[in-house]
Each structure stands twice: as C-alpha cells, then as structure tokens.
Amino acid sequence: MTKKTMAIALISISITVAIAGSIVTYLFDTPFARNTIDYFSLAAALFLIIEGFYGIKRYKNEPYLPNQLLRHIRIIIGTCVFTIHLLQYIYGL
C-alpha cells in the first residue's frame, strides 16, 4: 500500500466512523430506540432463562460444578435483566 492509498483509506474510515457515530447518537435520543432496546433486552433475557432451564433438564446427570452452576447463574442473570427492563418499560424510565 502506498502512502497516498493509506491516507485515503484512513480519511474514509474516519469519515465513516464520524457519520455512524452521529447517527447512533441521534437515534439513541428517540423513544423508538429506548423501546427497541427494551424489547431486545427482554428477548435476550428470555433466551437466557429458557436455555438455562433446557440445559438443566437435558443434562441433569452432569456434575453441579461447573456446568450446572453456570446454568443456574445464567438463569439468575436472565431473570434480573428481564425484571429490570420490564419495570423500565412499565414505568417509562
């Protein structure tokens, strides 16, 4: 790569990052973004909870440490995330 091509690539990347950053900053100030984040968080939390229970039921003969313990922790984290975002959505925080 020559210095000229490297400079053009660096300038192009800088402009792209600046445009993307300003778009993201603008979008996160809208109510649509807040609701979308809440919906995705609820979906991720439900995934953690369901996948944890499925793993515990399917692999019930595995030792508790470390596999089953990690699944229990996954369920706890999913439940906490679900509760937090559900309350944020209900109260409009």
PDB file of N, CA and C in Angstrom:
ATOM      1  N   MET A   1       0.832  -1.177   0.000  1.00  0.00           N
ATOM      2  CA  MET A   1       0.000   0.000   0.000  1.00  0.00           C
ATOM      3  C   MET A   1       0.883   1.248   0.000  1.00  0.00           C
ATOM      4  N   THR A   2       0.557   2.158  -0.848  1.00  0.00           N
ATOM      5  CA  THR A   2       1.329   3.398  -0.865  1.00  0.00           C
ATOM      6  C   THR A   2       0.826   4.346   0.206  1.00  0.00           C
ATOM      7  N   LYS A   3       1.566   5.405   0.430  1.00  0.00           N
ATOM      8  CA  LYS A   3       1.172   6.369   1.456  1.00  0.00           C
ATOM      9  C   LYS A   3      -0.119   7.074   1.067  1.00  0.00           C
ATOM     10  N   LYS A   4      -0.286   7.322  -0.227  1.00  0.00           N
ATOM     11  CA  LYS A   4      -1.493   8.013  -0.704  1.00  0.00           C
ATOM     12  C   LYS A   4      -2.726   7.143  -0.469  1.00  0.00           C
ATOM     13  N   THR A   5      -2.642   5.860  -0.790  1.00  0.00           N
ATOM     14  CA  THR A   5      -3.783   4.958  -0.587  1.00  0.00           C
ATOM     15  C   THR A   5      -4.082   4.783   0.886  1.00  0.00           C
ATOM     16  N   MET A   6      -3.021   4.729   1.693  1.00  0.00           N
ATOM     17  CA  MET A   6      -3.205   4.596   3.139  1.00  0.00           C
ATOM     18  C   MET A   6      -3.898   5.837   3.698  1.00  0.00           C
ATOM     19  N   ALA A   7      -3.513   6.998   3.228  1.00  0.00           N
ATOM     20  CA  ALA A   7      -4.129   8.247   3.692  1.00  0.00           C
ATOM     21  C   ALA A   7      -5.596   8.307   3.277  1.00  0.00           C
ATOM     22  N   ILE A   8      -5.895   7.917   2.071  1.00  0.00           N
ATOM     23  CA  ILE A   8      -7.293   7.911   1.597  1.00  0.00           C
ATOM     24  C   ILE A   8      -8.125   6.927   2.410  1.00  0.00           C
ATOM     25  N   ALA A   9      -7.575   5.757   2.684  1.00  0.00           N
ATOM     26  CA  ALA A   9      -8.299   4.757   3.481  1.00  0.00           C
ATOM     27  C   ALA A   9      -8.541   5.269   4.894  1.00  0.00           C
ATOM     28  N   LEU A  10      -7.549   5.900   5.491  1.00  0.00           N
ATOM     29  CA  LEU A  10      -7.686   6.433   6.843  1.00  0.00           C
ATOM     30  C   LEU A  10      -8.716   7.554   6.910  1.00  0.00           C
ATOM     31  N   ILE A  11      -8.709   8.422   5.918  1.00  0.00           N
ATOM     32  CA  ILE A  11      -9.700   9.506   5.863  1.00  0.00           C
ATOM     33  C   ILE A  11     -11.101   8.931   5.663  1.00  0.00           C
ATOM     34  N   SER A  12     -11.233   7.946   4.786  1.00  0.00           N
ATOM     35  CA  SER A  12     -12.544   7.322   4.545  1.00  0.00           C
ATOM     36  C   SER A  12     -13.078   6.649   5.802  1.00  0.00           C
ATOM     37  N   ILE A  13     -12.219   5.949   6.515  1.00  0.00           N
ATOM     38  CA  ILE A  13     -12.633   5.290   7.753  1.00  0.00           C
ATOM     39  C   ILE A  13     -13.034   6.318   8.802  1.00  0.00           C
ATOM     40  N   SER A  14     -12.267   7.397   8.907  1.00  0.00           N
ATOM     41  CA  SER A  14     -12.587   8.450   9.884  1.00  0.00           C
ATOM     42  C   SER A  14     -13.933   9.095   9.580  1.00  0.00           C
ATOM     43  N   ILE A  15     -14.194   9.393   8.325  1.00  0.00           N
ATOM     44  CA  ILE A  15     -15.480   9.995   7.941  1.00  0.00           C
ATOM     45  C   ILE A  15     -16.623   9.021   8.210  1.00  0.00           C
ATOM     46  N   THR A  16     -16.434   7.754   7.889  1.00  0.00           N
ATOM     47  CA  THR A  16     -17.480   6.751   8.125  1.00  0.00           C
ATOM     48  C   THR A  16     -17.777   6.604   9.614  1.00  0.00           C
ATOM     49  N   VAL A  17     -16.742   6.569  10.435  1.00  0.00           N
ATOM     50  CA  VAL A  17     -16.940   6.455  11.884  1.00  0.00           C
ATOM     51  C   VAL A  17     -17.653   7.690  12.426  1.00  0.00           C
ATOM     52  N   ALA A  18     -17.290   8.875  11.935  1.00  0.00           N
ATOM     53  CA  ALA A  18     -17.936  10.108  12.395  1.00  0.00           C
ATOM     54  C   ALA A  18     -19.416  10.128  12.012  1.00  0.00           C
ATOM     55  N   ILE A  19     -19.731   9.732  10.798  1.00  0.00           N
ATOM     56  CA  ILE A  19     -21.134   9.707  10.355  1.00  0.00           C
ATOM     57  C   ILE A  19     -21.922   8.672  11.155  1.00  0.00           C
ATOM     58  N   ALA A  20     -21.355   7.469  11.314  1.00  0.00           N
ATOM     59  CA  ALA A  20     -22.045   6.422  12.073  1.00  0.00           C
ATOM     60  C   ALA A  20     -22.243   6.840  13.518  1.00  0.00           C
ATOM     61  N   GLY A  21     -21.249   7.482  14.117  1.00  0.00           N
ATOM     62  CA  GLY A  21     -21.369   7.944  15.496  1.00  0.00           C
ATOM     63  C   GLY A  21     -22.452   8.987  15.665  1.00  0.00           C
ATOM     64  N   SER A  22     -22.540   9.913  14.727  1.00  0.00           N
ATOM     65  CA  SER A  22     -23.590  10.939  14.842  1.00  0.00           C
ATOM     66  C   SER A  22     -24.978  10.341  14.627  1.00  0.00           C
ATOM     67  N   ILE A  23     -25.095   9.374  13.733  1.00  0.00           N
ATOM     68  CA  ILE A  23     -26.395   8.721  13.516  1.00  0.00           C
ATOM     69  C   ILE A  23     -26.812   7.954  14.775  1.00  0.00           C
ATOM     70  N   VAL A  24     -25.890   7.213  15.363  1.00  0.00           N
ATOM     71  CA  VAL A  24     -26.198   6.445  16.571  1.00  0.00           C
ATOM     72  C   VAL A  24     -26.571   7.376  17.713  1.00  0.00           C
ATOM     73  N   THR A  25     -25.843   8.478  17.864  1.00  0.00           N
ATOM     74  CA  THR A  25     -26.153   9.448  18.916  1.00  0.00           C
ATOM     75  C   THR A  25     -27.547  10.030  18.714  1.00  0.00           C
ATOM     76  N   TYR A  26     -27.885  10.343  17.477  1.00  0.00           N
ATOM     77  CA  TYR A  26     -29.216  10.887  17.190  1.00  0.00           C
ATOM     78  C   TYR A  26     -30.302   9.846  17.461  1.00  0.00           C
ATOM     79  N   LEU A  27     -30.075   8.598  17.054  1.00  0.00           N
ATOM     80  CA  LEU A  27     -31.099   7.567  17.209  1.00  0.00           C
ATOM     81  C   LEU A  27     -31.333   7.172  18.658  1.00  0.00           C
ATOM     82  N   PHE A  28     -30.289   7.200  19.487  1.00  0.00           N
ATOM     83  CA  PHE A  28     -30.463   6.795  20.877  1.00  0.00           C
ATOM     84  C   PHE A  28     -31.210   7.820  21.713  1.00  0.00           C
ATOM     85  N   ASP A  29     -31.430   9.010  21.158  1.00  0.00           N
ATOM     86  CA  ASP A  29     -32.215  10.014  21.864  1.00  0.00           C
ATOM     87  C   ASP A  29     -33.702   9.919  21.555  1.00  0.00           C
ATOM     88  N   THR A  30     -34.101   8.965  20.744  1.00  0.00           N
ATOM     89  CA  THR A  30     -35.510   8.845  20.367  1.00  0.00           C
ATOM     90  C   THR A  30     -36.206   7.794  21.227  1.00  0.00           C
ATOM     91  N   PRO A  31     -37.524   7.932  21.403  1.00  0.00           N
ATOM     92  CA  PRO A  31     -38.268   6.905  22.156  1.00  0.00           C
ATOM     93  C   PRO A  31     -38.241   5.547  21.453  1.00  0.00           C
ATOM     94  N   PHE A  32     -38.151   5.554  20.122  1.00  0.00           N
ATOM     95  CA  PHE A  32     -38.096   4.293  19.373  1.00  0.00           C
ATOM     96  C   PHE A  32     -36.902   3.458  19.813  1.00  0.00           C
ATOM     97  N   ALA A  33     -35.755   4.096  19.977  1.00  0.00           N
ATOM     98  CA  ALA A  33     -34.541   3.361  20.363  1.00  0.00           C
ATOM     99  C   ALA A  33     -34.679   2.794  21.768  1.00  0.00           C
ATOM    100  N   ARG A  34     -35.255   3.579  22.678  1.00  0.00           N
ATOM    101  CA  ARG A  34     -35.408   3.076  24.051  1.00  0.00           C
ATOM    102  C   ARG A  34     -36.320   1.850  24.079  1.00  0.00           C
ATOM    103  N   ASN A  35     -37.424   1.917  23.354  1.00  0.00           N
ATOM    104  CA  ASN A  35     -38.334   0.761  23.313  1.00  0.00           C
ATOM    105  C   ASN A  35     -37.679  -0.426  22.628  1.00  0.00           C
ATOM    106  N   THR A  36     -36.941  -0.183  21.572  1.00  0.00           N
ATOM    107  CA  THR A  36     -36.269  -1.272  20.866  1.00  0.00           C
ATOM    108  C   THR A  36     -35.249  -1.955  21.765  1.00  0.00           C
ATOM    109  N   ILE A  37     -34.487  -1.174  22.518  1.00  0.00           N
ATOM    110  CA  ILE A  37     -33.510  -1.750  23.440  1.00  0.00           C
ATOM    111  C   ILE A  37     -34.222  -2.590  24.495  1.00  0.00           C
ATOM    112  N   ASP A  38     -35.368  -2.091  24.994  1.00  0.00           N
ATOM    113  CA  ASP A  38     -36.119  -2.866  25.980  1.00  0.00           C
ATOM    114  C   ASP A  38     -36.619  -4.180  25.395  1.00  0.00           C
ATOM    115  N   TYR A  39     -37.130  -4.149  24.166  1.00  0.00           N
ATOM    116  CA  TYR A  39     -37.621  -5.384  23.536  1.00  0.00           C
ATOM    117  C   TYR A  39     -36.486  -6.385  23.325  1.00  0.00           C
ATOM    118  N   PHE A  40     -35.348  -5.914  22.824  1.00  0.00           N
ATOM    119  CA  PHE A  40     -34.219  -6.818  22.615  1.00  0.00           C
ATOM    120  C   PHE A  40     -33.691  -7.360  23.940  1.00  0.00           C
ATOM    121  N   SER A  41     -33.687  -6.530  24.966  1.00  0.00           N
ATOM    122  CA  SER A  41     -33.234  -6.995  26.286  1.00  0.00           C
ATOM    123  C   SER A  41     -34.185  -8.048  26.844  1.00  0.00           C
ATOM    124  N   LEU A  42     -35.482  -7.831  26.656  1.00  0.00           N
ATOM    125  CA  LEU A  42     -36.453  -8.836  27.105  1.00  0.00           C
ATOM    126  C   LEU A  42     -36.259 -10.151  26.360  1.00  0.00           C
ATOM    127  N   ALA A  43     -36.021 -10.055  25.057  1.00  0.00           N
ATOM    128  CA  ALA A  43     -35.809 -11.271  24.269  1.00  0.00           C
ATOM    129  C   ALA A  43     -34.532 -11.996  24.703  1.00  0.00           C
ATOM    130  N   ALA A  44     -33.458 -11.238  24.952  1.00  0.00           N
ATOM    131  CA  ALA A  44     -32.202 -11.859  25.401  1.00  0.00           C
ATOM    132  C   ALA A  44     -32.371 -12.495  26.770  1.00  0.00           C
ATOM    133  N   ALA A  45     -33.103 -11.826  27.660  1.00  0.00           N
ATOM    134  CA  ALA A  45     -33.331 -12.381  28.997  1.00  0.00           C
ATOM    135  C   ALA A  45     -34.149 -13.665  28.919  1.00  0.00           C
ATOM    136  N   LEU A  46     -35.191 -13.653  28.095  1.00  0.00           N
ATOM    137  CA  LEU A  46     -35.996 -14.872  27.934  1.00  0.00           C
ATOM    138  C   LEU A  46     -35.154 -16.002  27.357  1.00  0.00           C
ATOM    139  N   PHE A  47     -34.261 -15.673  26.418  1.00  0.00           N
ATOM    140  CA  PHE A  47     -33.377 -16.692  25.867  1.00  0.00           C
ATOM    141  C   PHE A  47     -32.500 -17.295  26.957  1.00  0.00           C
ATOM    142  N   LEU A  48     -31.912 -16.447  27.809  1.00  0.00           N
ATOM    143  CA  LEU A  48     -31.053 -16.954  28.886  1.00  0.00           C
ATOM    144  C   LEU A  48     -31.828 -17.865  29.831  1.00  0.00           C
ATOM    145  N   ILE A  49     -33.038 -17.455  30.180  1.00  0.00           N
ATOM    146  CA  ILE A  49     -33.846 -18.241  31.115  1.00  0.00           C
ATOM    147  C   ILE A  49     -34.241 -19.578  30.499  1.00  0.00           C
ATOM    148  N   ILE A  50     -34.780 -19.545  29.285  1.00  0.00           N
ATOM    149  CA  ILE A  50     -35.255 -20.772  28.631  1.00  0.00           C
ATOM    150  C   ILE A  50     -34.089 -21.716  28.346  1.00  0.00           C
ATOM    151  N   GLU A  51     -32.975 -21.166  27.852  1.00  0.00           N
ATOM    152  CA  GLU A  51     -31.825 -22.002  27.545  1.00  0.00           C
ATOM    153  C   GLU A  51     -31.229 -22.620  28.810  1.00  0.00           C
ATOM    154  N   GLY A  52     -31.247 -21.876  29.908  1.00  0.00           N
ATOM    155  CA  GLY A  52     -30.746 -22.409  31.172  1.00  0.00           C
ATOM    156  C   GLY A  52     -31.581 -23.565  31.679  1.00  0.00           C
ATOM    157  N   PHE A  53     -32.905 -23.384  31.669  1.00  0.00           N
ATOM    158  CA  PHE A  53     -33.788 -24.469  32.115  1.00  0.00           C
ATOM    159  C   PHE A  53     -33.681 -25.684  31.194  1.00  0.00           C
ATOM    160  N   TYR A  54     -33.564 -25.430  29.884  1.00  0.00           N
ATOM    161  CA  TYR A  54     -33.427 -26.532  28.940  1.00  0.00           C
ATOM    162  C   TYR A  54     -32.143 -27.322  29.207  1.00  0.00           C
ATOM    163  N   GLY A  55     -31.041 -26.599  29.437  1.00  0.00           N
ATOM    164  CA  GLY A  55     -29.766 -27.268  29.710  1.00  0.00           C
ATOM    165  C   GLY A  55     -29.800 -28.067  30.997  1.00  0.00           C
ATOM    166  N   ILE A  56     -30.452 -27.524  32.019  1.00  0.00           N
ATOM    167  CA  ILE A  56     -30.548 -28.249  33.288  1.00  0.00           C
ATOM    168  C   ILE A  56     -31.366 -29.519  33.116  1.00  0.00           C
ATOM    169  N   LYS A  57     -32.472 -29.409  32.385  1.00  0.00           N
ATOM    170  CA  LYS A  57     -33.337 -30.578  32.199  1.00  0.00           C
ATOM    171  C   LYS A  57     -32.670 -31.625  31.307  1.00  0.00           C
ATOM    172  N   ARG A  58     -31.998 -31.175  30.253  1.00  0.00           N
ATOM    173  CA  ARG A  58     -31.410 -32.125  29.312  1.00  0.00           C
ATOM    174  C   ARG A  58     -30.176 -32.820  29.887  1.00  0.00           C
ATOM    175  N   TYR A  59     -29.354 -32.075  30.608  1.00  0.00           N
ATOM    176  CA  TYR A  59     -28.101 -32.629  31.130  1.00  0.00           C
ATOM    177  C   TYR A  59     -28.164 -32.753  32.649  1.00  0.00           C
ATOM    178  N   LYS A  60     -29.217 -33.362  33.168  1.00  0.00           N
ATOM    179  CA  LYS A  60     -29.366 -33.429  34.620  1.00  0.00           C
ATOM    180  C   LYS A  60     -28.378 -34.365  35.296  1.00  0.00           C
ATOM    181  N   ASN A  61     -27.700 -35.226  34.571  1.00  0.00           N
ATOM    182  CA  ASN A  61     -26.732 -36.146  35.173  1.00  0.00           C
ATOM    183  C   ASN A  61     -25.320 -35.574  35.214  1.00  0.00           C
ATOM    184  N   GLU A  62     -25.118 -34.363  34.702  1.00  0.00           N
ATOM    185  CA  GLU A  62     -23.795 -33.743  34.753  1.00  0.00           C
ATOM    186  C   GLU A  62     -23.498 -33.270  36.170  1.00  0.00           C
ATOM    187  N   PRO A  63     -22.229 -33.155  36.508  1.00  0.00           N
ATOM    188  CA  PRO A  63     -21.891 -32.652  37.848  1.00  0.00           C
ATOM    189  C   PRO A  63     -22.323 -31.194  38.009  1.00  0.00           C
ATOM    190  N   TYR A  64     -22.597 -30.835  39.252  1.00  0.00           N
ATOM    191  CA  TYR A  64     -23.085 -29.482  39.515  1.00  0.00           C
ATOM    192  C   TYR A  64     -22.027 -28.430  39.194  1.00  0.00           C
ATOM    193  N   LEU A  65     -20.794 -28.709  39.575  1.00  0.00           N
ATOM    194  CA  LEU A  65     -19.708 -27.773  39.269  1.00  0.00           C
ATOM    195  C   LEU A  65     -18.984 -28.236  38.043  1.00  0.00           C
ATOM    196  N   PRO A  66     -18.716 -27.479  37.070  1.00  0.00           N
ATOM    197  CA  PRO A  66     -19.088 -26.095  36.849  1.00  0.00           C
ATOM    198  C   PRO A  66     -20.327 -25.944  35.974  1.00  0.00           C
ATOM    199  N   ASN A  67     -20.750 -27.022  35.279  1.00  0.00           N
ATOM    200  CA  ASN A  67     -21.776 -26.882  34.237  1.00  0.00           C
ATOM    201  C   ASN A  67     -23.135 -26.442  34.772  1.00  0.00           C
ATOM    202  N   GLN A  68     -23.662 -27.164  35.728  1.00  0.00           N
ATOM    203  CA  GLN A  68     -24.999 -26.821  36.229  1.00  0.00           C
ATOM    204  C   GLN A  68     -24.987 -25.486  36.979  1.00  0.00           C
ATOM    205  N   LEU A  69     -23.904 -25.200  37.683  1.00  0.00           N
ATOM    206  CA  LEU A  69     -23.794 -23.922  38.389  1.00  0.00           C
ATOM    207  C   LEU A  69     -23.852 -22.764  37.403  1.00  0.00           C
ATOM    208  N   LEU A  70     -23.146 -22.885  36.284  1.00  0.00           N
ATOM    209  CA  LEU A  70     -23.162 -21.823  35.282  1.00  0.00           C
ATOM    210  C   LEU A  70     -24.552 -21.654  34.670  1.00  0.00           C
ATOM    211  N   ARG A  71     -25.269 -22.734  34.523  1.00  0.00           N
ATOM    212  CA  ARG A  71     -26.647 -22.623  34.003  1.00  0.00           C
ATOM    213  C   ARG A  71     -27.552 -21.913  35.002  1.00  0.00           C
ATOM    214  N   HIS A  72     -27.372 -22.206  36.284  1.00  0.00           N
ATOM    215  CA  HIS A  72     -28.156 -21.506  37.306  1.00  0.00           C
ATOM    216  C   HIS A  72     -27.824 -20.016  37.320  1.00  0.00           C
ATOM    217  N   ILE A  73     -26.560 -19.689  37.188  1.00  0.00           N
ATOM    218  CA  ILE A  73     -26.165 -18.283  37.137  1.00  0.00           C
ATOM    219  C   ILE A  73     -26.768 -17.607  35.909  1.00  0.00           C
ATOM    220  N   ARG A  74     -26.787 -18.309  34.782  1.00  0.00           N
ATOM    221  CA  ARG A  74     -27.400 -17.776  33.555  1.00  0.00           C
ATOM    222  C   ARG A  74     -28.881 -17.481  33.770  1.00  0.00           C
ATOM    223  N   ILE A  75     -29.573 -18.378  34.461  1.00  0.00           N
ATOM    224  CA  ILE A  75     -30.996 -18.172  34.740  1.00  0.00           C
ATOM    225  C   ILE A  75     -31.179 -16.967  35.660  1.00  0.00           C
ATOM    226  N   ILE A  76     -30.326 -16.834  36.665  1.00  0.00           N
ATOM    227  CA  ILE A  76     -30.432 -15.697  37.588  1.00  0.00           C
ATOM    228  C   ILE A  76     -30.194 -14.385  36.850  1.00  0.00           C
ATOM    229  N   ILE A  77     -29.166 -14.324  36.017  1.00  0.00           N
ATOM    230  CA  ILE A  77     -28.876 -13.102  35.257  1.00  0.00           C
ATOM    231  C   ILE A  77     -30.026 -12.785  34.309  1.00  0.00           C
ATOM    232  N   GLY A  78     -30.560 -13.797  33.622  1.00  0.00           N
ATOM    233  CA  GLY A  78     -31.693 -13.579  32.721  1.00  0.00           C
ATOM    234  C   GLY A  78     -32.913 -13.056  33.456  1.00  0.00           C
ATOM    235  N   THR A  79     -33.172 -13.592  34.635  1.00  0.00           N
ATOM    236  CA  THR A  79     -34.311 -13.132  35.433  1.00  0.00           C
ATOM    237  C   THR A  79     -34.119 -11.684  35.872  1.00  0.00           C
ATOM    238  N   CYS A  80     -32.907 -11.334  36.275  1.00  0.00           N
ATOM    239  CA  CYS A  80     -32.626  -9.949  36.687  1.00  0.00           C
ATOM    240  C   CYS A  80     -32.785  -8.982  35.522  1.00  0.00           C
ATOM    241  N   VAL A  81     -32.234  -9.324  34.371  1.00  0.00           N
ATOM    242  CA  VAL A  81     -32.346  -8.459  33.196  1.00  0.00           C
ATOM    243  C   VAL A  81     -33.811  -8.319  32.782  1.00  0.00           C
ATOM    244  N   PHE A  82     -34.534  -9.422  32.789  1.00  0.00           N
ATOM    245  CA  PHE A  82     -35.951  -9.385  32.433  1.00  0.00           C
ATOM    246  C   PHE A  82     -36.723  -8.469  33.375  1.00  0.00           C
ATOM    247  N   THR A  83     -36.491  -8.594  34.665  1.00  0.00           N
ATOM    248  CA  THR A  83     -37.202  -7.783  35.655  1.00  0.00           C
ATOM    249  C   THR A  83     -36.866  -6.304  35.498  1.00  0.00           C
ATOM    250  N   ILE A  84     -35.598  -5.986  35.345  1.00  0.00           N
ATOM    251  CA  ILE A  84     -35.182  -4.594  35.218  1.00  0.00           C
ATOM    252  C   ILE A  84     -35.822  -3.944  34.000  1.00  0.00           C
ATOM    253  N   HIS A  85     -35.754  -4.591  32.852  1.00  0.00           N
ATOM    254  CA  HIS A  85     -36.273  -3.976  31.643  1.00  0.00           C
ATOM    255  C   HIS A  85     -37.797  -3.988  31.597  1.00  0.00           C
ATOM    256  N   LEU A  86     -38.404  -4.961  32.221  1.00  0.00           N
ATOM    257  CA  LEU A  86     -39.869  -4.949  32.307  1.00  0.00           C
ATOM    258  C   LEU A  86     -40.329  -3.771  33.144  1.00  0.00           C
ATOM    259  N   LEU A  87     -39.684  -3.537  34.272  1.00  0.00           N
ATOM    260  CA  LEU A  87     -40.057  -2.403  35.128  1.00  0.00           C
ATOM    261  C   LEU A  87     -39.744  -1.068  34.437  1.00  0.00           C
ATOM    262  N   GLN A  88     -38.627  -0.998  33.703  1.00  0.00           N
ATOM    263  CA  GLN A  88     -38.336   0.224  32.974  1.00  0.00           C
ATOM    264  C   GLN A  88     -39.405   0.489  31.921  1.00  0.00           C
ATOM    265  N   TYR A  89     -39.841  -0.552  31.250  1.00  0.00           N
ATOM    266  CA  TYR A  89     -40.862  -0.376  30.219  1.00  0.00           C
ATOM    267  C   TYR A  89     -42.199   0.027  30.843  1.00  0.00           C
ATOM    268  N   ILE A  90     -42.559  -0.596  31.961  1.00  0.00           N
ATOM    269  CA  ILE A  90     -43.838  -0.291  32.604  1.00  0.00           C
ATOM    270  C   ILE A  90     -43.854   1.143  33.126  1.00  0.00           C
ATOM    271  N   TYR A  91     -42.788   1.557  33.795  1.00  0.00           N
ATOM    272  CA  TYR A  91     -42.749   2.879  34.399  1.00  0.00           C
ATOM    273  C   TYR A  91     -42.228   3.956  33.472  1.00  0.00           C
ATOM    274  N   GLY A  92     -41.795   3.587  32.274  1.00  0.00           N
ATOM    275  CA  GLY A  92     -41.337   4.560  31.288  1.00  0.00           C
ATOM    276  C   GLY A  92     -40.070   5.279  31.655  1.00  0.00           C
ATOM    277  N   LEU A  93     -39.162   4.593  32.303  1.00  0.00           N
ATOM    278  CA  LEU A  93     -37.891   5.234  32.689  1.00  0.00           C
ATOM    279  C   LEU A  93     -36.919   5.297  31.556  1.00  0.00           C
TER     280      LEU A  93
END
